[in-house]
N, C-alpha and C. Protein backbone atom coordinates (compact mmCIF):
# COMPACT_ATOMS: atom_id res chain seq x y z
N MET A 1 -48.54 37.85 32.45
CA MET A 1 -48.00 36.65 31.88
C MET A 1 -46.72 36.26 32.57
N ARG A 2 -46.67 35.03 32.80
CA ARG A 2 -45.42 34.52 33.37
C ARG A 2 -44.48 34.23 32.22
N GLY A 3 -43.15 34.36 32.47
CA GLY A 3 -42.14 34.05 31.45
C GLY A 3 -42.06 32.55 31.21
N ARG A 4 -42.22 32.17 29.97
CA ARG A 4 -42.13 30.75 29.64
C ARG A 4 -40.73 30.44 29.13
N SER A 5 -40.21 29.33 29.58
CA SER A 5 -38.90 28.92 29.09
C SER A 5 -39.09 27.76 28.12
N GLY A 6 -38.13 27.59 27.22
CA GLY A 6 -38.20 26.51 26.24
C GLY A 6 -38.12 27.07 24.84
N PHE A 7 -38.20 26.16 23.87
CA PHE A 7 -38.08 26.55 22.47
C PHE A 7 -39.41 26.35 21.78
N THR A 8 -39.63 27.18 20.79
CA THR A 8 -40.85 27.00 19.99
C THR A 8 -40.58 25.94 18.93
N LEU A 9 -41.61 25.45 18.33
CA LEU A 9 -41.48 24.44 17.30
C LEU A 9 -40.69 24.97 16.10
N VAL A 10 -40.89 26.21 15.75
CA VAL A 10 -40.18 26.83 14.63
C VAL A 10 -38.68 26.87 14.91
N GLU A 11 -38.30 27.24 16.11
CA GLU A 11 -36.87 27.28 16.46
C GLU A 11 -36.23 25.90 16.36
N LEU A 12 -36.93 24.89 16.82
CA LEU A 12 -36.40 23.52 16.74
C LEU A 12 -36.26 23.06 15.29
N VAL A 13 -37.24 23.35 14.44
CA VAL A 13 -37.18 22.95 13.04
C VAL A 13 -36.04 23.66 12.33
N VAL A 14 -35.85 24.94 12.57
CA VAL A 14 -34.75 25.70 11.96
C VAL A 14 -33.41 25.14 12.42
N THR A 15 -33.28 24.83 13.68
CA THR A 15 -32.03 24.27 14.20
C THR A 15 -31.73 22.93 13.55
N LEU A 16 -32.72 22.07 13.45
CA LEU A 16 -32.53 20.77 12.81
C LEU A 16 -32.18 20.92 11.33
N ALA A 17 -32.76 21.88 10.64
CA ALA A 17 -32.45 22.11 9.23
C ALA A 17 -31.00 22.55 9.07
N ILE A 18 -30.53 23.42 9.93
CA ILE A 18 -29.14 23.88 9.88
C ILE A 18 -28.19 22.72 10.16
N LEU A 19 -28.49 21.90 11.15
CA LEU A 19 -27.67 20.73 11.45
C LEU A 19 -27.64 19.75 10.28
N GLY A 20 -28.75 19.56 9.62
CA GLY A 20 -28.81 18.67 8.45
C GLY A 20 -27.96 19.17 7.31
N ILE A 21 -27.99 20.47 7.06
CA ILE A 21 -27.17 21.06 6.00
C ILE A 21 -25.69 20.90 6.33
N LEU A 22 -25.31 21.17 7.57
CA LEU A 22 -23.90 21.02 7.98
C LEU A 22 -23.44 19.56 7.86
N ALA A 23 -24.29 18.62 8.22
CA ALA A 23 -23.94 17.20 8.10
C ALA A 23 -23.78 16.81 6.64
N ALA A 24 -24.66 17.32 5.77
CA ALA A 24 -24.58 17.00 4.34
C ALA A 24 -23.30 17.55 3.73
N ILE A 25 -22.81 18.64 4.24
CA ILE A 25 -21.55 19.22 3.75
C ILE A 25 -20.36 18.44 4.32
N ALA A 26 -20.45 18.01 5.56
CA ALA A 26 -19.32 17.36 6.23
C ALA A 26 -19.06 15.94 5.72
N VAL A 27 -20.08 15.20 5.34
CA VAL A 27 -19.91 13.80 4.95
C VAL A 27 -18.95 13.65 3.76
N PRO A 28 -19.12 14.38 2.66
CA PRO A 28 -18.17 14.23 1.54
C PRO A 28 -16.75 14.64 1.92
N VAL A 29 -16.61 15.62 2.77
CA VAL A 29 -15.28 16.06 3.19
C VAL A 29 -14.60 14.96 4.01
N VAL A 30 -15.35 14.32 4.88
CA VAL A 30 -14.79 13.23 5.69
C VAL A 30 -14.43 12.04 4.79
N GLU A 31 -15.30 11.70 3.83
CA GLU A 31 -15.01 10.60 2.91
C GLU A 31 -13.74 10.87 2.11
N LEU A 32 -13.56 12.10 1.67
CA LEU A 32 -12.36 12.49 0.92
C LEU A 32 -11.12 12.38 1.81
N ALA A 33 -11.23 12.78 3.05
CA ALA A 33 -10.10 12.70 3.98
C ALA A 33 -9.71 11.25 4.23
N VAL A 34 -10.70 10.37 4.37
CA VAL A 34 -10.42 8.94 4.57
C VAL A 34 -9.74 8.36 3.33
N LYS A 35 -10.22 8.70 2.14
CA LYS A 35 -9.62 8.20 0.90
C LYS A 35 -8.19 8.71 0.76
N ARG A 36 -7.98 9.97 1.07
CA ARG A 36 -6.64 10.54 0.98
C ARG A 36 -5.68 9.83 1.95
N THR A 37 -6.14 9.50 3.14
CA THR A 37 -5.31 8.79 4.12
C THR A 37 -4.94 7.41 3.61
N ARG A 38 -5.90 6.68 3.04
CA ARG A 38 -5.61 5.36 2.49
C ARG A 38 -4.64 5.45 1.31
N GLU A 39 -4.76 6.48 0.50
CA GLU A 39 -3.84 6.66 -0.62
C GLU A 39 -2.42 6.97 -0.13
N GLN A 40 -2.30 7.76 0.92
CA GLN A 40 -0.98 8.02 1.49
C GLN A 40 -0.36 6.73 2.03
N GLU A 41 -1.18 5.90 2.66
CA GLU A 41 -0.70 4.62 3.16
C GLU A 41 -0.27 3.71 2.01
N LEU A 42 -1.00 3.74 0.90
CA LEU A 42 -0.64 2.95 -0.27
C LEU A 42 0.71 3.41 -0.82
N ARG A 43 0.90 4.71 -0.95
CA ARG A 43 2.20 5.24 -1.42
C ARG A 43 3.33 4.78 -0.51
N TYR A 44 3.11 4.86 0.79
CA TYR A 44 4.14 4.49 1.76
C TYR A 44 4.48 3.00 1.68
N THR A 45 3.46 2.15 1.60
CA THR A 45 3.73 0.71 1.56
C THR A 45 4.38 0.30 0.24
N LEU A 46 3.96 0.91 -0.87
CA LEU A 46 4.63 0.65 -2.14
C LEU A 46 6.11 1.04 -2.07
N ARG A 47 6.38 2.18 -1.47
CA ARG A 47 7.77 2.65 -1.34
C ARG A 47 8.58 1.68 -0.47
N GLN A 48 8.00 1.20 0.62
CA GLN A 48 8.69 0.24 1.50
C GLN A 48 9.09 -1.02 0.74
N ILE A 49 8.13 -1.61 0.05
CA ILE A 49 8.40 -2.86 -0.67
C ILE A 49 9.40 -2.63 -1.80
N ARG A 50 9.22 -1.55 -2.54
CA ARG A 50 10.13 -1.27 -3.65
C ARG A 50 11.54 -0.98 -3.15
N ASP A 51 11.65 -0.30 -2.02
CA ASP A 51 12.99 -0.08 -1.44
C ASP A 51 13.63 -1.40 -1.03
N GLY A 52 12.83 -2.32 -0.49
CA GLY A 52 13.34 -3.64 -0.13
C GLY A 52 13.81 -4.42 -1.35
N ILE A 53 13.04 -4.36 -2.44
CA ILE A 53 13.43 -5.04 -3.68
C ILE A 53 14.72 -4.43 -4.23
N ASP A 54 14.81 -3.10 -4.21
CA ASP A 54 16.03 -2.43 -4.70
C ASP A 54 17.24 -2.77 -3.84
N ALA A 55 17.05 -2.86 -2.52
CA ALA A 55 18.16 -3.22 -1.63
C ALA A 55 18.63 -4.64 -1.91
N TYR A 56 17.69 -5.54 -2.17
CA TYR A 56 18.04 -6.92 -2.51
C TYR A 56 18.88 -6.92 -3.79
N LYS A 57 18.45 -6.17 -4.80
CA LYS A 57 19.17 -6.12 -6.07
C LYS A 57 20.58 -5.55 -5.89
N ARG A 58 20.71 -4.49 -5.09
CA ARG A 58 22.04 -3.90 -4.82
C ARG A 58 22.94 -4.92 -4.14
N THR A 59 22.38 -5.65 -3.18
CA THR A 59 23.15 -6.66 -2.46
C THR A 59 23.58 -7.77 -3.41
N TRP A 60 22.73 -8.15 -4.31
CA TRP A 60 23.05 -9.18 -5.30
C TRP A 60 24.15 -8.67 -6.23
N ASP A 61 24.04 -7.40 -6.68
CA ASP A 61 25.05 -6.81 -7.55
C ASP A 61 26.42 -6.74 -6.86
N GLU A 62 26.43 -6.54 -5.54
CA GLU A 62 27.68 -6.47 -4.77
C GLU A 62 28.30 -7.85 -4.56
N GLY A 63 27.60 -8.90 -4.92
CA GLY A 63 28.12 -10.26 -4.75
C GLY A 63 27.96 -10.81 -3.35
N ARG A 64 27.05 -10.26 -2.59
CA ARG A 64 26.84 -10.72 -1.21
C ARG A 64 25.79 -11.83 -1.12
N ILE A 65 25.12 -12.11 -2.24
CA ILE A 65 24.10 -13.16 -2.30
C ILE A 65 24.55 -14.18 -3.34
N THR A 66 24.26 -15.44 -3.09
CA THR A 66 24.63 -16.49 -4.03
C THR A 66 23.99 -16.22 -5.39
N ARG A 67 24.83 -16.23 -6.42
CA ARG A 67 24.35 -16.00 -7.78
C ARG A 67 24.24 -17.32 -8.52
N LYS A 68 23.19 -17.42 -9.31
CA LYS A 68 23.00 -18.58 -10.16
C LYS A 68 22.88 -18.10 -11.60
N VAL A 69 23.30 -18.93 -12.52
CA VAL A 69 23.24 -18.58 -13.94
C VAL A 69 21.78 -18.36 -14.34
N GLY A 70 21.55 -17.28 -15.06
CA GLY A 70 20.21 -16.97 -15.55
C GLY A 70 19.37 -16.14 -14.61
N GLU A 71 19.85 -15.85 -13.41
CA GLU A 71 19.09 -15.02 -12.47
C GLU A 71 19.23 -13.54 -12.84
N THR A 72 18.22 -12.78 -12.50
CA THR A 72 18.22 -11.34 -12.78
C THR A 72 18.76 -10.53 -11.61
N GLY A 73 18.80 -11.12 -10.45
CA GLY A 73 19.25 -10.39 -9.27
C GLY A 73 18.11 -9.85 -8.43
N TYR A 74 16.88 -10.09 -8.85
CA TYR A 74 15.72 -9.67 -8.08
C TYR A 74 15.24 -10.85 -7.25
N PRO A 75 14.55 -10.59 -6.13
CA PRO A 75 14.12 -11.70 -5.26
C PRO A 75 13.17 -12.65 -5.99
N PRO A 76 13.30 -13.95 -5.74
CA PRO A 76 12.42 -14.92 -6.39
C PRO A 76 10.97 -14.81 -5.92
N LYS A 77 10.76 -14.31 -4.70
CA LYS A 77 9.42 -14.08 -4.17
C LYS A 77 9.52 -13.01 -3.09
N LEU A 78 8.40 -12.38 -2.76
CA LEU A 78 8.41 -11.31 -1.76
C LEU A 78 8.81 -11.80 -0.38
N GLU A 79 8.47 -13.03 -0.06
CA GLU A 79 8.78 -13.57 1.26
C GLU A 79 10.27 -13.58 1.55
N VAL A 80 11.10 -13.65 0.53
CA VAL A 80 12.56 -13.67 0.71
C VAL A 80 13.04 -12.38 1.38
N LEU A 81 12.36 -11.27 1.11
CA LEU A 81 12.74 -10.00 1.71
C LEU A 81 12.58 -10.04 3.23
N VAL A 82 11.64 -10.83 3.71
CA VAL A 82 11.39 -10.97 5.15
C VAL A 82 12.23 -12.10 5.75
N GLU A 83 12.31 -13.21 5.04
CA GLU A 83 13.06 -14.37 5.52
C GLU A 83 14.56 -14.10 5.57
N GLY A 84 15.03 -13.25 4.68
CA GLY A 84 16.44 -12.91 4.64
C GLY A 84 17.24 -13.89 3.80
N VAL A 85 18.46 -13.48 3.46
CA VAL A 85 19.38 -14.31 2.69
C VAL A 85 20.73 -14.31 3.38
N GLU A 86 21.48 -15.36 3.14
CA GLU A 86 22.80 -15.49 3.76
C GLU A 86 23.78 -14.52 3.11
N ASP A 87 24.51 -13.80 3.94
CA ASP A 87 25.52 -12.85 3.48
C ASP A 87 26.82 -13.61 3.23
N LEU A 88 27.24 -13.70 1.97
CA LEU A 88 28.43 -14.45 1.62
C LEU A 88 29.71 -13.80 2.15
N ARG A 89 29.67 -12.51 2.44
CA ARG A 89 30.86 -11.81 2.94
C ARG A 89 31.00 -11.89 4.46
N SER A 90 29.98 -12.35 5.12
CA SER A 90 30.01 -12.42 6.58
C SER A 90 30.73 -13.70 7.01
N PRO A 91 31.72 -13.59 7.91
CA PRO A 91 32.40 -14.80 8.38
C PRO A 91 31.48 -15.72 9.18
N THR A 92 30.45 -15.17 9.80
CA THR A 92 29.50 -15.98 10.58
C THR A 92 28.29 -16.39 9.75
N LYS A 93 28.29 -16.04 8.47
CA LYS A 93 27.16 -16.35 7.56
C LYS A 93 25.84 -15.77 8.09
N ALA A 94 25.93 -14.54 8.56
CA ALA A 94 24.74 -13.86 9.06
C ALA A 94 23.75 -13.62 7.92
N LYS A 95 22.51 -13.45 8.27
CA LYS A 95 21.48 -13.20 7.26
C LYS A 95 21.30 -11.70 7.07
N ILE A 96 20.93 -11.33 5.86
CA ILE A 96 20.58 -9.95 5.53
C ILE A 96 19.07 -9.91 5.35
N TYR A 97 18.41 -9.02 6.09
CA TYR A 97 16.96 -8.86 6.00
C TYR A 97 16.65 -7.53 5.32
N PHE A 98 15.62 -7.52 4.49
CA PHE A 98 15.27 -6.33 3.74
C PHE A 98 13.95 -5.70 4.18
N LEU A 99 13.07 -6.50 4.78
CA LEU A 99 11.80 -6.02 5.33
C LEU A 99 11.52 -6.75 6.62
N ARG A 100 10.84 -6.12 7.55
CA ARG A 100 10.41 -6.80 8.77
C ARG A 100 9.19 -7.67 8.51
N ARG A 101 8.33 -7.17 7.63
CA ARG A 101 7.14 -7.91 7.22
C ARG A 101 6.68 -7.33 5.90
N VAL A 102 5.92 -8.10 5.16
CA VAL A 102 5.36 -7.59 3.91
C VAL A 102 4.06 -6.89 4.27
N PRO A 103 4.00 -5.57 4.08
CA PRO A 103 2.77 -4.85 4.45
C PRO A 103 1.61 -5.23 3.54
N THR A 104 0.42 -5.07 4.05
CA THR A 104 -0.80 -5.36 3.29
C THR A 104 -1.20 -4.14 2.48
N ASP A 105 -1.68 -4.37 1.29
CA ASP A 105 -2.19 -3.29 0.44
C ASP A 105 -3.40 -2.67 1.13
N PRO A 106 -3.35 -1.37 1.44
CA PRO A 106 -4.50 -0.74 2.12
C PRO A 106 -5.76 -0.71 1.27
N MET A 107 -5.64 -0.94 -0.03
CA MET A 107 -6.81 -0.94 -0.90
C MET A 107 -7.36 -2.35 -1.11
N ALA A 108 -6.71 -3.34 -0.53
CA ALA A 108 -7.14 -4.74 -0.69
C ALA A 108 -8.44 -4.99 0.07
N PRO A 109 -9.25 -5.92 -0.43
CA PRO A 109 -10.49 -6.26 0.29
C PRO A 109 -10.19 -6.89 1.64
N ALA A 110 -11.14 -6.83 2.54
CA ALA A 110 -10.96 -7.40 3.88
C ALA A 110 -10.67 -8.89 3.78
N GLY A 111 -9.76 -9.35 4.63
CA GLY A 111 -9.42 -10.76 4.65
C GLY A 111 -8.20 -11.10 3.82
N VAL A 112 -7.79 -10.22 2.91
CA VAL A 112 -6.60 -10.45 2.09
C VAL A 112 -5.46 -9.69 2.75
N THR A 113 -4.40 -10.40 3.11
CA THR A 113 -3.30 -9.75 3.81
C THR A 113 -1.95 -10.10 3.20
N GLY A 114 -0.96 -9.31 3.55
CA GLY A 114 0.42 -9.57 3.19
C GLY A 114 0.67 -9.75 1.71
N VAL A 115 1.41 -10.81 1.38
CA VAL A 115 1.86 -11.06 0.01
C VAL A 115 0.68 -11.22 -0.95
N GLU A 116 -0.40 -11.86 -0.50
CA GLU A 116 -1.54 -12.11 -1.38
C GLU A 116 -2.24 -10.82 -1.82
N SER A 117 -2.05 -9.74 -1.10
CA SER A 117 -2.75 -8.50 -1.41
C SER A 117 -2.10 -7.73 -2.56
N TRP A 118 -0.92 -8.14 -3.00
CA TRP A 118 -0.18 -7.40 -4.03
C TRP A 118 -0.12 -8.16 -5.34
N GLY A 119 -0.14 -7.40 -6.44
CA GLY A 119 0.17 -7.95 -7.74
C GLY A 119 1.69 -7.88 -7.89
N LYS A 120 2.26 -8.88 -8.52
CA LYS A 120 3.71 -8.92 -8.68
C LYS A 120 4.07 -8.92 -10.15
N ARG A 121 5.12 -8.19 -10.48
CA ARG A 121 5.60 -8.11 -11.86
C ARG A 121 7.00 -8.67 -11.92
N SER A 122 7.23 -9.59 -12.84
CA SER A 122 8.57 -10.13 -13.00
C SER A 122 9.38 -9.22 -13.92
N TYR A 123 10.67 -9.42 -13.89
CA TYR A 123 11.58 -8.62 -14.70
C TYR A 123 11.30 -8.81 -16.19
N ALA A 124 10.87 -10.01 -16.59
CA ALA A 124 10.64 -10.33 -17.99
C ALA A 124 9.33 -9.78 -18.55
N SER A 125 8.41 -9.36 -17.69
CA SER A 125 7.11 -8.90 -18.19
C SER A 125 7.14 -7.41 -18.52
N PRO A 126 6.35 -7.00 -19.52
CA PRO A 126 6.31 -5.58 -19.90
C PRO A 126 5.56 -4.75 -18.85
N PRO A 127 5.88 -3.46 -18.74
CA PRO A 127 5.23 -2.62 -17.73
C PRO A 127 3.73 -2.44 -17.94
N ASP A 128 3.27 -2.47 -19.19
CA ASP A 128 1.84 -2.26 -19.44
C ASP A 128 1.02 -3.54 -19.23
N GLU A 129 1.67 -4.70 -19.15
CA GLU A 129 0.99 -5.97 -18.86
C GLU A 129 1.80 -6.75 -17.84
N PRO A 130 1.79 -6.33 -16.57
CA PRO A 130 2.61 -7.02 -15.58
C PRO A 130 2.13 -8.44 -15.32
N LYS A 131 3.10 -9.36 -15.24
CA LYS A 131 2.79 -10.76 -14.96
C LYS A 131 3.82 -11.29 -13.99
N GLU A 132 3.40 -12.27 -13.19
CA GLU A 132 4.32 -12.93 -12.27
C GLU A 132 5.25 -13.83 -13.07
N GLY A 133 6.43 -14.09 -12.48
CA GLY A 133 7.39 -14.94 -13.16
C GLY A 133 8.38 -15.52 -12.18
N ASP A 134 9.64 -15.63 -12.62
CA ASP A 134 10.69 -16.24 -11.81
C ASP A 134 11.22 -15.32 -10.72
N ASP A 135 10.90 -14.05 -10.78
CA ASP A 135 11.39 -13.09 -9.80
C ASP A 135 10.33 -12.03 -9.55
N VAL A 136 10.62 -11.15 -8.59
CA VAL A 136 9.71 -10.03 -8.30
C VAL A 136 10.48 -8.74 -8.57
N TYR A 137 10.16 -8.12 -9.68
CA TYR A 137 10.81 -6.88 -10.10
C TYR A 137 10.07 -5.66 -9.54
N ASP A 138 8.75 -5.79 -9.40
CA ASP A 138 7.93 -4.68 -8.92
C ASP A 138 6.64 -5.23 -8.33
N VAL A 139 5.96 -4.41 -7.55
CA VAL A 139 4.64 -4.74 -7.01
C VAL A 139 3.67 -3.64 -7.38
N TYR A 140 2.39 -3.99 -7.39
CA TYR A 140 1.35 -3.01 -7.68
C TYR A 140 0.08 -3.42 -6.95
N SER A 141 -0.82 -2.48 -6.79
CA SER A 141 -2.08 -2.76 -6.12
C SER A 141 -3.01 -3.52 -7.06
N LEU A 142 -3.73 -4.47 -6.52
CA LEU A 142 -4.71 -5.22 -7.30
C LEU A 142 -6.08 -4.52 -7.33
N SER A 143 -6.19 -3.40 -6.65
CA SER A 143 -7.45 -2.67 -6.57
C SER A 143 -7.85 -2.13 -7.94
N THR A 144 -9.14 -2.14 -8.21
CA THR A 144 -9.66 -1.59 -9.46
C THR A 144 -10.05 -0.12 -9.30
N GLY A 145 -9.83 0.43 -8.11
CA GLY A 145 -10.21 1.81 -7.84
C GLY A 145 -9.30 2.82 -8.54
N VAL A 146 -9.77 4.05 -8.52
CA VAL A 146 -9.04 5.16 -9.13
C VAL A 146 -8.74 6.18 -8.04
N GLY A 147 -7.53 6.70 -8.04
CA GLY A 147 -7.11 7.66 -7.03
C GLY A 147 -7.74 9.03 -7.21
N ILE A 148 -7.55 9.87 -6.24
CA ILE A 148 -8.06 11.24 -6.29
C ILE A 148 -7.46 11.98 -7.49
N ASN A 149 -6.24 11.59 -7.87
CA ASN A 149 -5.56 12.23 -8.99
C ASN A 149 -6.01 11.69 -10.35
N GLY A 150 -6.93 10.72 -10.36
CA GLY A 150 -7.45 10.17 -11.61
C GLY A 150 -6.67 8.99 -12.16
N VAL A 151 -5.59 8.59 -11.49
CA VAL A 151 -4.77 7.47 -11.95
C VAL A 151 -5.21 6.20 -11.21
N PRO A 152 -5.46 5.11 -11.93
CA PRO A 152 -5.85 3.86 -11.26
C PRO A 152 -4.75 3.41 -10.28
N TYR A 153 -5.17 2.83 -9.16
CA TYR A 153 -4.21 2.41 -8.12
C TYR A 153 -3.20 1.39 -8.65
N LYS A 154 -3.63 0.54 -9.59
CA LYS A 154 -2.69 -0.48 -10.09
C LYS A 154 -1.58 0.11 -10.94
N GLU A 155 -1.67 1.39 -11.29
CA GLU A 155 -0.62 2.05 -12.06
C GLU A 155 0.31 2.90 -11.20
N TRP A 156 0.12 2.89 -9.90
CA TRP A 156 0.96 3.71 -9.02
C TRP A 156 2.33 3.11 -8.89
C-alpha cells in the first residue's frame, strides 16, 4: 500500500463540529464586549457634558457671565457650551468655551447626532420625570435599553 495523504470524512466532520462549538461560545462573549465598550463610551460622554454644564454654572456663580433676573445659572441650551459666552472679567471680552463639540449619545439610533441624541432636564423638573425647560440642568440617554448592570440607560 502506498501512503495516502489527506483527511478522512470523519476527521473533517469532527473538526467542523469543534469549530462550530467554539464559534457558538465566542459570539456571546464578543457581543458582551461590544456592549460594554458602548456603555463605557456612554459614561464618558455623559461625564463630559455634565462637567461642561457644571463649569458653566461655576462661571455664572463667579459673575463672569451676564446674569439676568430669574435665571438659574445653568446654560439655556447645550449649544451654548460649544458656542461659548463672553467673559465679563476679560478686558478683551474673550469668550469662555466649555465643550469643543456636543458628543453624540452612543446608544442613539443611527442618523441622530449631537444635541438631538440627548434628553435634557431643566432645573425646574423633578429627577424622576425629567423635562426640558428654560435651562439645561442635566442630560440623559434617550435609549430604552438596559445596561449590563440592570439599570436603564436613561437613569445613568
